[in-house]
């Protein structure tokens, strides 16, 4: 066909405000990554079970239910607006207070960071959790970040020290030590079973 010109579609760069007000009328789930709307695939059953197991475990350890959250969104620093949806988080008392009555469960930049964030790695998403979110959460000052990796059969606990994360990996039946919560009667094997 003569005269046809190939056109590329350039994704629209959104501001944080545009993203927070965005509704495409579907049940699709999105994160905002450097100003671009990124559709999130449905969660695997194993990842959902692991997140639920951790919520129940932390509740049984005495953490109040209102401080445990699944799919609370967090705005992180970046060259452009970015908002992430960790699989699970433990809120500080100050953050719980800041979110009380909010119209949307979003941790904004002017709010205190959560105490602990957990990401469960999905296939082909390793870079996102090990690299990008690691630097975003460190910049946000999140005291502790867990990367639960069902493919590698390990739980990596990252502790925020002077602006960067120091990591310890746990496999098998080795008890996990949380910088925020202390020694846990919890192993990587238990977490990965969900």
N, C-alpha and C. Protein backbone atom coordinates (compact mmCIF):
# COMPACT_ATOMS: atom_id res chain seq x y z
N UNK A 1 0.84 -1.18 0.00
CA UNK A 1 0.00 0.00 0.00
C UNK A 1 0.88 1.23 0.00
N UNK A 2 0.70 2.04 -1.01
CA UNK A 2 1.50 3.25 -1.12
C UNK A 2 1.02 4.31 -0.14
N UNK A 3 1.99 5.13 0.28
CA UNK A 3 1.65 6.28 1.11
C UNK A 3 1.41 5.96 2.57
N UNK A 4 1.52 4.69 2.95
CA UNK A 4 1.31 4.34 4.36
C UNK A 4 2.55 4.64 5.17
N UNK A 5 2.39 5.28 6.28
CA UNK A 5 3.50 5.61 7.15
C UNK A 5 3.32 4.82 8.45
N UNK A 6 4.38 4.13 8.85
CA UNK A 6 4.32 3.39 10.11
C UNK A 6 4.31 4.39 11.25
N UNK A 7 3.40 4.19 12.18
CA UNK A 7 3.30 5.09 13.33
C UNK A 7 3.53 4.28 14.60
N UNK A 8 4.31 4.83 15.48
CA UNK A 8 4.49 4.16 16.76
C UNK A 8 3.62 4.87 17.79
N UNK A 9 3.12 4.09 18.72
CA UNK A 9 2.29 4.65 19.77
C UNK A 9 3.20 4.97 20.95
N UNK A 10 3.19 6.22 21.34
CA UNK A 10 3.99 6.66 22.47
C UNK A 10 3.08 6.64 23.69
N UNK A 11 3.49 5.91 24.74
CA UNK A 11 2.63 5.88 25.92
C UNK A 11 2.52 7.26 26.55
N UNK A 12 1.34 7.56 27.07
CA UNK A 12 1.11 8.85 27.72
C UNK A 12 1.80 8.83 29.08
N UNK A 13 2.56 9.87 29.35
CA UNK A 13 3.20 10.02 30.66
C UNK A 13 2.19 10.69 31.57
N UNK A 14 1.91 10.02 32.70
CA UNK A 14 0.91 10.53 33.64
C UNK A 14 1.59 11.16 34.85
N UNK A 15 0.93 12.14 35.41
CA UNK A 15 1.35 12.68 36.70
C UNK A 15 0.76 11.77 37.78
N UNK A 16 1.25 11.93 38.97
CA UNK A 16 0.71 11.15 40.08
C UNK A 16 -0.77 11.47 40.27
N UNK A 17 -1.14 12.73 40.17
CA UNK A 17 -2.53 13.13 40.33
C UNK A 17 -3.42 12.48 39.26
N UNK A 18 -2.96 12.47 38.00
CA UNK A 18 -3.74 11.82 36.94
C UNK A 18 -3.91 10.33 37.23
N UNK A 19 -2.85 9.70 37.69
CA UNK A 19 -2.91 8.27 38.01
C UNK A 19 -3.90 8.01 39.16
N UNK A 20 -3.82 8.81 40.21
CA UNK A 20 -4.70 8.59 41.36
C UNK A 20 -6.16 8.80 41.01
N UNK A 21 -6.44 9.56 39.96
CA UNK A 21 -7.82 9.79 39.52
C UNK A 21 -8.22 8.93 38.33
N UNK A 22 -7.32 8.07 37.86
CA UNK A 22 -7.55 7.27 36.67
C UNK A 22 -8.54 6.13 36.94
N UNK A 23 -9.48 5.96 36.04
CA UNK A 23 -10.43 4.84 36.10
C UNK A 23 -10.83 4.53 34.66
N UNK A 24 -10.42 3.35 34.18
CA UNK A 24 -10.77 2.99 32.81
C UNK A 24 -12.05 2.17 32.74
N UNK A 25 -12.75 2.05 33.88
CA UNK A 25 -14.02 1.35 33.90
C UNK A 25 -13.90 -0.17 33.86
N UNK A 26 -12.69 -0.68 34.01
CA UNK A 26 -12.49 -2.12 34.00
C UNK A 26 -12.02 -2.57 35.39
N UNK A 27 -11.85 -3.85 35.54
CA UNK A 27 -11.32 -4.42 36.78
C UNK A 27 -9.81 -4.59 36.71
N UNK A 28 -9.17 -4.03 35.68
CA UNK A 28 -7.72 -4.18 35.53
C UNK A 28 -7.00 -3.49 36.68
N UNK A 29 -5.82 -4.00 36.99
CA UNK A 29 -5.02 -3.53 38.11
C UNK A 29 -3.75 -2.92 37.54
N UNK A 30 -3.40 -1.68 37.94
CA UNK A 30 -2.26 -0.97 37.37
C UNK A 30 -1.30 -0.48 38.45
N UNK A 31 -0.02 -0.38 38.09
CA UNK A 31 0.97 0.37 38.84
C UNK A 31 1.38 1.52 37.93
N UNK A 32 1.91 2.58 38.54
CA UNK A 32 2.47 3.68 37.79
C UNK A 32 3.98 3.57 37.89
N UNK A 33 4.65 3.41 36.76
CA UNK A 33 6.09 3.21 36.75
C UNK A 33 6.73 4.29 35.88
N UNK A 34 7.45 5.20 36.51
CA UNK A 34 8.07 6.32 35.79
C UNK A 34 7.08 7.05 34.89
N UNK A 35 5.89 7.27 35.43
CA UNK A 35 4.87 8.02 34.71
C UNK A 35 4.03 7.20 33.73
N UNK A 36 4.37 5.92 33.54
CA UNK A 36 3.62 5.08 32.61
C UNK A 36 2.72 4.12 33.36
N UNK A 37 1.51 3.98 32.86
CA UNK A 37 0.54 3.04 33.41
C UNK A 37 0.93 1.64 32.98
N UNK A 38 1.16 0.74 33.95
CA UNK A 38 1.57 -0.63 33.64
C UNK A 38 0.52 -1.58 34.20
N UNK A 39 -0.12 -2.33 33.31
CA UNK A 39 -1.12 -3.30 33.75
C UNK A 39 -0.44 -4.45 34.47
N UNK A 40 -0.95 -4.79 35.63
CA UNK A 40 -0.41 -5.88 36.42
C UNK A 40 -1.16 -7.16 36.09
N UNK A 41 -0.42 -8.26 35.88
CA UNK A 41 -1.10 -9.52 35.61
C UNK A 41 -1.78 -10.03 36.88
N UNK A 42 -2.75 -10.92 36.74
CA UNK A 42 -3.38 -11.49 37.94
C UNK A 42 -2.33 -12.22 38.79
N UNK A 43 -2.52 -12.19 40.08
CA UNK A 43 -1.60 -12.84 41.01
C UNK A 43 -1.75 -14.35 40.90
N UNK A 44 -0.62 -15.06 41.02
CA UNK A 44 -0.69 -16.52 41.02
C UNK A 44 -1.29 -16.99 42.34
N UNK A 45 -1.84 -18.18 42.35
CA UNK A 45 -2.43 -18.73 43.56
C UNK A 45 -1.36 -18.89 44.65
N UNK A 46 -0.15 -19.34 44.28
CA UNK A 46 0.92 -19.51 45.26
C UNK A 46 1.28 -18.16 45.88
N UNK A 47 1.44 -17.13 45.07
CA UNK A 47 1.79 -15.81 45.61
C UNK A 47 0.71 -15.28 46.54
N UNK A 48 -0.54 -15.49 46.18
CA UNK A 48 -1.65 -15.06 47.03
C UNK A 48 -1.62 -15.80 48.36
N UNK A 49 -1.37 -17.11 48.31
CA UNK A 49 -1.32 -17.92 49.53
C UNK A 49 -0.17 -17.50 50.44
N UNK A 50 1.00 -17.21 49.85
CA UNK A 50 2.15 -16.78 50.64
C UNK A 50 1.83 -15.46 51.35
N UNK A 51 1.26 -14.50 50.63
CA UNK A 51 0.92 -13.20 51.24
C UNK A 51 -0.09 -13.40 52.37
N UNK A 52 -1.10 -14.23 52.15
CA UNK A 52 -2.10 -14.47 53.19
C UNK A 52 -1.48 -15.18 54.39
N UNK A 53 -0.59 -16.14 54.14
CA UNK A 53 0.11 -16.83 55.23
C UNK A 53 0.86 -15.83 56.10
N UNK A 54 1.57 -14.89 55.46
CA UNK A 54 2.34 -13.90 56.22
C UNK A 54 1.44 -12.97 57.03
N UNK A 55 0.32 -12.56 56.47
CA UNK A 55 -0.61 -11.72 57.21
C UNK A 55 -1.09 -12.46 58.46
N UNK A 56 -1.47 -13.71 58.29
CA UNK A 56 -1.95 -14.51 59.44
C UNK A 56 -0.83 -14.71 60.45
N UNK A 57 0.37 -15.02 59.97
CA UNK A 57 1.51 -15.23 60.86
C UNK A 57 1.78 -13.98 61.71
N UNK A 58 1.86 -12.82 61.07
CA UNK A 58 2.15 -11.59 61.80
C UNK A 58 1.01 -11.24 62.76
N UNK A 59 -0.23 -11.50 62.37
CA UNK A 59 -1.37 -11.26 63.27
C UNK A 59 -1.25 -12.16 64.51
N UNK A 60 -0.86 -13.41 64.32
CA UNK A 60 -0.70 -14.33 65.44
C UNK A 60 0.45 -13.91 66.36
N UNK A 61 1.42 -13.16 65.82
CA UNK A 61 2.53 -12.63 66.63
C UNK A 61 2.14 -11.36 67.37
N UNK A 62 0.89 -10.93 67.22
CA UNK A 62 0.40 -9.79 67.99
C UNK A 62 0.38 -8.47 67.25
N UNK A 63 0.67 -8.47 65.97
CA UNK A 63 0.58 -7.22 65.22
C UNK A 63 -0.90 -6.97 64.92
N UNK A 64 -1.37 -5.79 65.28
CA UNK A 64 -2.78 -5.46 65.12
C UNK A 64 -3.21 -5.53 63.65
N UNK A 65 -4.41 -6.03 63.44
CA UNK A 65 -4.90 -6.23 62.06
C UNK A 65 -4.91 -4.94 61.25
N UNK A 66 -5.19 -3.81 61.88
CA UNK A 66 -5.22 -2.54 61.13
C UNK A 66 -3.84 -2.09 60.69
N UNK A 67 -2.78 -2.73 61.21
CA UNK A 67 -1.42 -2.39 60.78
C UNK A 67 -0.90 -3.37 59.74
N UNK A 68 -1.68 -4.39 59.41
CA UNK A 68 -1.31 -5.36 58.37
C UNK A 68 -2.11 -5.04 57.12
N UNK A 69 -1.43 -5.01 55.99
CA UNK A 69 -2.12 -4.61 54.77
C UNK A 69 -1.65 -5.41 53.57
N UNK A 70 -2.60 -5.76 52.74
CA UNK A 70 -2.30 -6.37 51.44
C UNK A 70 -2.78 -5.40 50.37
N UNK A 71 -1.91 -5.13 49.43
CA UNK A 71 -2.25 -4.29 48.27
C UNK A 71 -2.51 -2.83 48.62
N UNK A 72 -1.91 -2.34 49.69
CA UNK A 72 -1.90 -0.89 49.91
C UNK A 72 -0.82 -0.33 49.00
N UNK A 73 -1.17 0.70 48.31
CA UNK A 73 -0.28 1.32 47.32
C UNK A 73 0.71 2.25 48.02
N UNK A 74 1.92 2.35 47.47
CA UNK A 74 2.92 3.26 48.03
C UNK A 74 3.57 4.07 46.91
N UNK A 75 3.61 5.38 47.09
CA UNK A 75 4.27 6.27 46.14
C UNK A 75 5.74 6.30 46.51
N UNK A 76 6.60 6.08 45.50
CA UNK A 76 8.05 6.08 45.71
C UNK A 76 8.68 7.15 44.84
N UNK A 77 9.89 7.53 45.20
CA UNK A 77 10.61 8.56 44.44
C UNK A 77 11.15 7.97 43.15
N UNK A 78 11.21 8.78 42.13
CA UNK A 78 11.76 8.36 40.85
C UNK A 78 11.91 9.57 39.95
N UNK A 79 12.44 9.33 38.75
CA UNK A 79 12.58 10.44 37.81
C UNK A 79 11.21 10.97 37.40
N UNK A 80 10.24 10.06 37.37
CA UNK A 80 8.83 10.42 37.13
C UNK A 80 8.00 9.71 38.18
N UNK A 81 6.74 10.05 38.25
CA UNK A 81 5.85 9.49 39.27
C UNK A 81 5.81 7.96 39.19
N UNK A 82 5.94 7.32 40.36
CA UNK A 82 5.88 5.86 40.45
C UNK A 82 5.09 5.49 41.70
N UNK A 83 4.17 4.56 41.54
CA UNK A 83 3.39 4.02 42.66
C UNK A 83 3.39 2.51 42.54
N UNK A 84 3.71 1.83 43.62
CA UNK A 84 3.81 0.37 43.65
C UNK A 84 2.75 -0.23 44.56
N UNK A 85 2.43 -1.50 44.33
CA UNK A 85 1.51 -2.25 45.16
C UNK A 85 2.23 -3.46 45.74
N UNK A 86 2.89 -3.30 46.90
CA UNK A 86 3.54 -4.47 47.51
C UNK A 86 2.50 -5.54 47.83
N UNK A 87 2.96 -6.78 47.90
CA UNK A 87 2.05 -7.88 48.21
C UNK A 87 1.54 -7.79 49.65
N UNK A 88 2.38 -7.26 50.54
CA UNK A 88 2.00 -7.16 51.94
C UNK A 88 2.87 -6.12 52.61
N UNK A 89 2.33 -5.46 53.62
CA UNK A 89 3.15 -4.52 54.39
C UNK A 89 2.66 -4.45 55.82
N UNK A 90 3.60 -4.04 56.69
CA UNK A 90 3.26 -3.74 58.08
C UNK A 90 3.42 -2.23 58.23
N UNK A 91 2.34 -1.58 58.66
CA UNK A 91 2.34 -0.14 58.83
C UNK A 91 2.88 0.23 60.21
N UNK A 92 3.54 1.35 60.30
CA UNK A 92 3.90 1.90 61.61
C UNK A 92 2.63 2.50 62.21
N UNK A 93 2.65 2.77 63.52
CA UNK A 93 1.50 3.42 64.14
C UNK A 93 1.23 4.77 63.50
N UNK A 94 2.31 5.50 63.19
CA UNK A 94 2.18 6.83 62.58
C UNK A 94 1.54 6.73 61.19
N UNK A 95 1.94 5.72 60.43
CA UNK A 95 1.36 5.56 59.09
C UNK A 95 -0.09 5.11 59.18
N UNK A 96 -0.39 4.24 60.11
CA UNK A 96 -1.78 3.82 60.32
C UNK A 96 -2.66 5.03 60.58
N UNK A 97 -2.18 5.95 61.43
CA UNK A 97 -2.91 7.18 61.74
C UNK A 97 -3.05 8.05 60.49
N UNK A 98 -1.97 8.17 59.73
CA UNK A 98 -2.00 9.02 58.52
C UNK A 98 -2.98 8.49 57.48
N UNK A 99 -3.13 7.15 57.40
CA UNK A 99 -4.05 6.56 56.41
C UNK A 99 -5.50 6.52 56.88
N UNK A 100 -5.73 6.69 58.17
CA UNK A 100 -7.10 6.63 58.70
C UNK A 100 -7.98 7.66 58.00
N UNK A 101 -9.08 7.20 57.46
CA UNK A 101 -10.02 8.10 56.80
C UNK A 101 -9.66 8.50 55.39
N UNK A 102 -8.53 8.01 54.87
CA UNK A 102 -8.15 8.36 53.49
C UNK A 102 -9.14 7.75 52.51
N UNK A 103 -9.40 8.43 51.41
CA UNK A 103 -10.34 7.90 50.42
C UNK A 103 -9.73 6.76 49.62
N UNK A 104 -8.41 6.67 49.62
CA UNK A 104 -7.70 5.64 48.88
C UNK A 104 -6.54 5.15 49.75
N UNK A 105 -6.31 3.85 49.76
CA UNK A 105 -5.24 3.27 50.57
C UNK A 105 -3.90 3.45 49.86
N UNK A 106 -3.40 4.69 49.91
CA UNK A 106 -2.16 5.06 49.23
C UNK A 106 -1.24 5.77 50.21
N UNK A 107 -0.01 5.24 50.35
CA UNK A 107 0.99 5.87 51.18
C UNK A 107 1.67 6.94 50.32
N UNK A 108 1.36 8.18 50.59
CA UNK A 108 1.90 9.30 49.82
C UNK A 108 3.31 9.64 50.32
N UNK A 109 4.04 10.43 49.53
CA UNK A 109 5.42 10.79 49.88
C UNK A 109 5.53 11.58 51.18
N UNK A 110 4.48 12.32 51.55
CA UNK A 110 4.54 13.11 52.78
C UNK A 110 4.14 12.31 54.02
N UNK A 111 3.87 11.02 53.85
CA UNK A 111 3.51 10.15 54.97
C UNK A 111 4.73 9.33 55.39
N UNK A 112 4.74 8.87 56.65
CA UNK A 112 5.85 8.02 57.07
C UNK A 112 5.86 6.71 56.26
N UNK A 113 7.04 6.11 56.08
CA UNK A 113 7.08 4.84 55.34
C UNK A 113 6.55 3.70 56.20
N UNK A 114 6.14 2.60 55.56
CA UNK A 114 5.77 1.41 56.33
C UNK A 114 7.01 0.85 57.03
N UNK A 115 6.78 0.02 58.06
CA UNK A 115 7.90 -0.62 58.76
C UNK A 115 8.52 -1.73 57.92
N UNK A 116 7.66 -2.49 57.24
CA UNK A 116 8.12 -3.65 56.50
C UNK A 116 7.27 -3.81 55.25
N UNK A 117 7.93 -4.13 54.14
CA UNK A 117 7.25 -4.37 52.87
C UNK A 117 7.68 -5.75 52.37
N UNK A 118 6.73 -6.52 51.84
CA UNK A 118 7.02 -7.84 51.28
C UNK A 118 6.59 -7.87 49.82
N UNK A 119 7.51 -8.31 48.97
CA UNK A 119 7.21 -8.56 47.56
C UNK A 119 7.44 -10.04 47.29
N UNK A 120 6.50 -10.67 46.61
CA UNK A 120 6.63 -12.07 46.23
C UNK A 120 6.91 -12.10 44.74
N UNK A 121 8.06 -12.66 44.38
CA UNK A 121 8.54 -12.62 43.00
C UNK A 121 7.66 -13.50 42.11
N UNK A 122 7.25 -12.94 40.98
CA UNK A 122 6.52 -13.69 39.96
C UNK A 122 7.48 -14.06 38.84
N UNK A 123 7.21 -15.15 38.11
CA UNK A 123 8.09 -15.52 36.99
C UNK A 123 8.26 -14.36 36.02
N UNK A 124 9.47 -14.17 35.55
CA UNK A 124 9.85 -13.13 34.59
C UNK A 124 9.74 -11.71 35.16
N UNK A 125 9.63 -11.58 36.48
CA UNK A 125 9.55 -10.26 37.11
C UNK A 125 10.68 -10.05 38.11
N UNK A 126 11.73 -10.86 38.02
CA UNK A 126 12.81 -10.81 38.99
C UNK A 126 13.46 -9.44 39.07
N UNK A 127 13.73 -8.82 37.91
CA UNK A 127 14.38 -7.49 37.89
C UNK A 127 13.55 -6.47 38.65
N UNK A 128 12.25 -6.55 38.49
CA UNK A 128 11.36 -5.58 39.13
C UNK A 128 11.52 -5.63 40.65
N UNK A 129 11.53 -6.84 41.23
CA UNK A 129 11.57 -6.96 42.69
C UNK A 129 12.98 -6.86 43.26
N UNK A 130 13.97 -7.46 42.58
CA UNK A 130 15.33 -7.46 43.10
C UNK A 130 16.07 -6.16 42.82
N UNK A 131 15.75 -5.48 41.77
CA UNK A 131 16.52 -4.29 41.38
C UNK A 131 15.74 -2.99 41.54
N UNK A 132 14.65 -2.85 40.77
CA UNK A 132 13.94 -1.58 40.74
C UNK A 132 13.29 -1.25 42.08
N UNK A 133 12.50 -2.19 42.60
CA UNK A 133 11.81 -1.92 43.86
C UNK A 133 12.81 -1.79 45.01
N UNK A 134 13.89 -2.53 44.94
CA UNK A 134 14.92 -2.42 45.99
C UNK A 134 15.42 -0.98 46.10
N UNK A 135 15.75 -0.36 44.98
CA UNK A 135 16.25 1.01 45.03
C UNK A 135 15.13 1.99 45.37
N UNK A 136 13.92 1.74 44.88
CA UNK A 136 12.79 2.63 45.18
C UNK A 136 12.44 2.59 46.67
N UNK A 137 12.40 1.39 47.25
CA UNK A 137 12.05 1.26 48.66
C UNK A 137 13.16 1.81 49.56
N UNK A 138 14.42 1.65 49.14
CA UNK A 138 15.53 2.21 49.91
C UNK A 138 15.44 3.74 49.90
N UNK A 139 15.17 4.31 48.74
CA UNK A 139 15.03 5.77 48.64
C UNK A 139 13.87 6.28 49.48
N UNK A 140 12.86 5.44 49.65
CA UNK A 140 11.67 5.80 50.44
C UNK A 140 11.92 5.64 51.94
N UNK A 141 13.06 5.00 52.31
CA UNK A 141 13.41 4.84 53.72
C UNK A 141 12.64 3.74 54.43
N UNK A 142 12.21 2.72 53.70
CA UNK A 142 11.49 1.60 54.31
C UNK A 142 12.50 0.74 55.07
N UNK A 143 12.29 0.59 56.37
CA UNK A 143 13.27 -0.05 57.26
C UNK A 143 13.58 -1.49 56.88
N UNK A 144 12.60 -2.21 56.38
CA UNK A 144 12.81 -3.62 56.07
C UNK A 144 11.99 -4.02 54.84
N UNK A 145 12.65 -4.75 53.94
CA UNK A 145 12.03 -5.18 52.68
C UNK A 145 12.34 -6.66 52.50
N UNK A 146 11.29 -7.48 52.37
CA UNK A 146 11.46 -8.91 52.14
C UNK A 146 11.18 -9.21 50.67
N UNK A 147 12.06 -9.99 50.06
CA UNK A 147 11.82 -10.52 48.72
C UNK A 147 11.63 -12.02 48.88
N UNK A 148 10.41 -12.47 48.69
CA UNK A 148 10.09 -13.90 48.79
C UNK A 148 10.12 -14.45 47.36
N UNK A 149 11.02 -15.38 47.12
CA UNK A 149 11.24 -15.89 45.76
C UNK A 149 10.93 -17.39 45.69
N UNK A 150 9.72 -17.74 45.24
CA UNK A 150 9.35 -19.15 45.14
C UNK A 150 10.20 -19.94 44.13
N UNK A 151 10.71 -19.29 43.09
CA UNK A 151 11.50 -19.99 42.08
C UNK A 151 12.88 -20.36 42.64
N UNK A 152 13.51 -19.44 43.37
CA UNK A 152 14.83 -19.71 43.95
C UNK A 152 14.73 -20.32 45.34
N UNK A 153 13.50 -20.47 45.86
CA UNK A 153 13.25 -21.10 47.16
C UNK A 153 14.00 -20.39 48.29
N UNK A 154 13.91 -19.04 48.29
CA UNK A 154 14.56 -18.29 49.36
C UNK A 154 13.78 -17.03 49.71
N UNK A 155 14.07 -16.54 50.92
CA UNK A 155 13.52 -15.28 51.40
C UNK A 155 14.72 -14.38 51.68
N UNK A 156 14.77 -13.24 51.02
CA UNK A 156 15.84 -12.28 51.24
C UNK A 156 15.29 -11.15 52.09
N UNK A 157 15.94 -10.91 53.23
CA UNK A 157 15.53 -9.84 54.14
C UNK A 157 16.54 -8.72 53.99
N UNK A 158 16.03 -7.55 53.61
CA UNK A 158 16.88 -6.38 53.41
C UNK A 158 16.62 -5.37 54.52
N UNK A 159 17.70 -4.93 55.16
CA UNK A 159 17.61 -3.94 56.22
C UNK A 159 18.18 -2.62 55.73
N UNK A 160 17.41 -1.54 55.92
CA UNK A 160 17.80 -0.21 55.47
C UNK A 160 18.83 0.35 56.45
N UNK A 161 20.05 0.56 55.96
CA UNK A 161 21.14 1.08 56.78
C UNK A 161 21.79 2.24 56.03
N UNK A 162 21.66 3.44 56.58
CA UNK A 162 22.27 4.64 55.99
C UNK A 162 21.93 4.82 54.51
N UNK A 163 20.67 4.61 54.18
CA UNK A 163 20.20 4.89 52.82
C UNK A 163 20.30 3.74 51.83
N UNK A 164 20.92 2.62 52.22
CA UNK A 164 21.04 1.46 51.34
C UNK A 164 20.58 0.21 52.08
N UNK A 165 20.27 -0.83 51.32
CA UNK A 165 19.86 -2.09 51.94
C UNK A 165 21.03 -3.04 52.09
N UNK A 166 21.13 -3.64 53.28
CA UNK A 166 22.03 -4.76 53.52
C UNK A 166 21.15 -6.00 53.55
N UNK A 167 21.61 -7.09 52.92
CA UNK A 167 20.72 -8.24 52.78
C UNK A 167 21.25 -9.50 53.44
N UNK A 168 20.29 -10.32 53.85
CA UNK A 168 20.56 -11.67 54.35
C UNK A 168 19.55 -12.59 53.69
N UNK A 169 20.05 -13.68 53.12
CA UNK A 169 19.17 -14.64 52.44
C UNK A 169 18.93 -15.83 53.36
N UNK A 170 17.68 -16.31 53.35
CA UNK A 170 17.28 -17.45 54.16
C UNK A 170 16.72 -18.53 53.26
N UNK A 171 17.19 -19.76 53.48
CA UNK A 171 16.70 -20.91 52.73
C UNK A 171 16.40 -22.04 53.69
N UNK A 172 15.57 -22.97 53.25
CA UNK A 172 15.30 -24.17 54.04
C UNK A 172 14.73 -23.87 55.41
N UNK A 173 15.30 -24.54 56.42
CA UNK A 173 14.76 -24.46 57.78
C UNK A 173 15.51 -23.48 58.68
N UNK A 174 16.28 -22.58 58.10
CA UNK A 174 16.98 -21.55 58.87
C UNK A 174 15.97 -20.50 59.32
N UNK A 175 15.93 -20.20 60.61
CA UNK A 175 14.97 -19.22 61.16
C UNK A 175 15.28 -17.82 60.63
N UNK A 176 14.25 -17.13 60.21
CA UNK A 176 14.37 -15.77 59.70
C UNK A 176 14.52 -14.80 60.87
N UNK A 177 15.45 -13.86 60.72
CA UNK A 177 15.63 -12.80 61.71
C UNK A 177 15.22 -11.49 61.04
N UNK A 178 14.28 -10.81 61.66
CA UNK A 178 13.78 -9.54 61.15
C UNK A 178 14.43 -8.39 61.89
N UNK A 179 15.08 -7.46 61.19
CA UNK A 179 15.65 -6.29 61.87
C UNK A 179 14.60 -5.49 62.65
N UNK A 180 13.36 -5.47 62.17
CA UNK A 180 12.30 -4.71 62.81
C UNK A 180 11.62 -5.51 63.92
N UNK A 181 11.39 -6.80 63.68
CA UNK A 181 10.60 -7.63 64.61
C UNK A 181 11.43 -8.58 65.46
N UNK A 182 12.71 -8.74 65.14
CA UNK A 182 13.58 -9.64 65.91
C UNK A 182 13.55 -11.06 65.35
N UNK A 183 14.03 -12.01 66.17
CA UNK A 183 14.06 -13.41 65.75
C UNK A 183 12.63 -13.93 65.64
N UNK A 184 12.37 -14.63 64.56
CA UNK A 184 11.03 -15.16 64.30
C UNK A 184 11.08 -16.68 64.36
N UNK A 185 10.00 -17.29 64.78
CA UNK A 185 9.90 -18.75 64.71
C UNK A 185 9.29 -19.09 63.34
N UNK A 186 10.00 -18.68 62.31
CA UNK A 186 9.53 -18.77 60.94
C UNK A 186 10.72 -19.06 60.05
N UNK A 187 10.56 -20.01 59.12
CA UNK A 187 11.65 -20.36 58.20
C UNK A 187 11.22 -20.06 56.77
N UNK A 188 12.20 -20.03 55.88
CA UNK A 188 11.91 -19.82 54.46
C UNK A 188 11.00 -20.92 53.95
N UNK A 189 11.24 -22.16 54.37
CA UNK A 189 10.40 -23.29 53.92
C UNK A 189 8.94 -23.07 54.29
N UNK A 190 8.69 -22.59 55.52
CA UNK A 190 7.31 -22.34 55.94
C UNK A 190 6.67 -21.24 55.09
N UNK A 191 7.42 -20.16 54.85
CA UNK A 191 6.89 -19.05 54.05
C UNK A 191 6.56 -19.53 52.64
N UNK A 192 7.46 -20.29 52.04
CA UNK A 192 7.29 -20.69 50.65
C UNK A 192 6.20 -21.74 50.44
N UNK A 193 5.79 -22.40 51.50
CA UNK A 193 4.66 -23.32 51.41
C UNK A 193 3.36 -22.57 51.26
N UNK A 194 3.31 -21.38 51.86
CA UNK A 194 2.09 -20.59 51.83
C UNK A 194 1.04 -21.29 52.61
